Amino acid sequence: MEEGDILLDGQSLGLLDTNWLRSNVTLVEQYSTSFPGTITENIRLGSQDLNTISIEDVKMAAEFALLQQTFNDLPDGFDTILATDNSLSGVKGKDWH
């Protein structure tokens, strides 16, 4: 197949407002990349303005991704530091890949 169209609710993506689309649709890959810092800091990286996203917004994003309970169960919760190899700093026996 050399051509086609991607539809969202029956509408071609090419006909939708690009700003609306970027604000309402996101890609969640099976294997995520994290950056050195806390879970909260990594979630804030998904915001256009890092300075305005509240901890409530961070927790809502985690809940939307079905990860809030997982993060809450960590010893440091959302303040858990992610190491450069995508592991959880100070968490033993957990596979975080």
Protein backbone atom coordinates (compact mmCIF):
# COMPACT_ATOMS: atom_id res chain seq x y z
CA MET A 1 0.00 0.00 0.00
CA GLU A 2 1.46 3.33 -1.03
CA GLU A 3 -1.23 5.72 0.11
CA GLY A 4 -4.03 5.92 2.59
CA ASP A 5 -5.65 8.01 5.25
CA ILE A 6 -5.63 7.86 9.03
CA LEU A 7 -9.06 8.51 10.53
CA LEU A 8 -10.07 9.67 13.99
CA ASP A 9 -13.78 9.17 14.67
CA GLY A 10 -14.27 8.93 10.90
CA GLN A 11 -12.47 12.21 10.18
CA SER A 12 -9.21 12.42 8.26
CA LEU A 13 -6.35 13.64 10.45
CA GLY A 14 -5.45 16.06 7.67
CA LEU A 15 -8.79 17.84 8.13
CA LEU A 16 -8.47 18.29 11.91
CA ASP A 17 -7.05 21.38 13.58
CA THR A 18 -3.38 20.60 14.31
CA ASN A 19 -3.35 22.46 17.65
CA TRP A 20 -6.46 20.60 18.83
CA LEU A 21 -4.99 17.30 17.70
CA ARG A 22 -1.70 17.88 19.53
CA SER A 23 -3.56 18.91 22.70
CA ASN A 24 -5.89 15.91 22.70
CA VAL A 25 -3.94 12.98 21.29
CA THR A 26 -0.75 11.49 22.64
CA LEU A 27 1.45 8.54 21.86
CA VAL A 28 2.24 6.19 24.71
CA GLU A 29 4.95 3.78 23.71
CA GLN A 30 5.30 0.36 25.29
CA TYR A 31 8.90 1.09 26.26
CA SER A 32 9.29 4.57 27.60
CA THR A 33 12.39 6.66 27.92
CA SER A 34 13.04 8.47 31.15
CA PHE A 35 15.55 11.13 32.02
CA PRO A 36 17.65 11.56 35.16
CA GLY A 37 15.53 13.20 37.83
CA THR A 38 12.37 12.41 39.74
CA ILE A 39 9.21 10.81 38.42
CA THR A 40 7.50 14.20 38.87
CA GLU A 41 10.18 15.97 36.82
CA ASN A 42 9.87 13.39 34.04
CA ILE A 43 6.09 13.74 33.87
CA ARG A 44 6.43 17.53 33.77
CA LEU A 45 8.59 17.17 30.65
CA GLY A 46 5.37 16.34 28.79
CA SER A 47 4.04 19.85 29.42
CA GLN A 48 4.63 22.79 27.13
CA ASP A 49 5.37 25.00 30.15
CA LEU A 50 7.30 23.14 32.85
CA ASN A 51 6.77 25.94 35.38
CA THR A 52 2.98 25.86 35.41
CA ILE A 53 2.19 22.17 35.83
CA SER A 54 1.10 21.49 39.40
CA ILE A 55 1.64 18.31 41.41
CA GLU A 56 -2.11 17.71 40.99
CA ASP A 57 -1.62 17.82 37.20
CA VAL A 58 1.30 15.39 37.53
CA LYS A 59 -0.83 12.98 39.57
CA MET A 60 -3.71 13.27 37.09
CA ALA A 61 -1.33 12.37 34.25
CA ALA A 62 -0.08 9.37 36.23
CA GLU A 63 -3.65 8.30 36.95
CA PHE A 64 -4.56 8.64 33.27
CA ALA A 65 -1.60 6.37 32.42
CA LEU A 66 -2.72 3.92 35.14
CA LEU A 67 0.55 4.46 37.04
CA GLN A 68 -0.49 6.53 40.06
CA GLN A 69 -0.77 3.58 42.45
CA THR A 70 2.56 2.20 41.24
CA PHE A 71 4.27 5.52 41.95
CA ASN A 72 2.46 5.94 45.29
CA ASP A 73 3.73 2.51 46.37
CA LEU A 74 7.39 3.47 45.88
CA PRO A 75 9.26 4.48 49.06
CA ASP A 76 9.68 8.08 47.82
CA GLY A 77 6.50 8.16 45.72
CA PHE A 78 6.58 10.75 42.96
CA ASP A 79 9.90 12.01 44.37
CA THR A 80 11.60 8.72 43.44
CA ILE A 81 14.72 9.43 41.42
CA LEU A 82 15.10 7.74 38.05
CA ALA A 83 18.66 6.70 37.28
CA THR A 84 20.29 7.15 33.87
CA ASP A 85 19.69 3.47 33.04
CA ASN A 86 15.89 3.84 33.57
CA SER A 87 16.08 2.05 36.92
CA LEU A 88 14.66 3.40 40.14
CA SER A 89 17.29 4.85 42.42
CA GLY A 90 17.26 3.10 45.80
CA VAL A 91 14.53 0.58 44.91
CA LYS A 92 15.70 -2.99 45.28
CA GLY A 93 14.19 -5.99 43.55
CA LYS A 94 12.01 -4.00 41.16
CA ASP A 95 12.26 -4.40 37.41
CA TRP A 96 11.61 -0.97 35.92
CA HIS A 97 12.18 -1.75 32.24
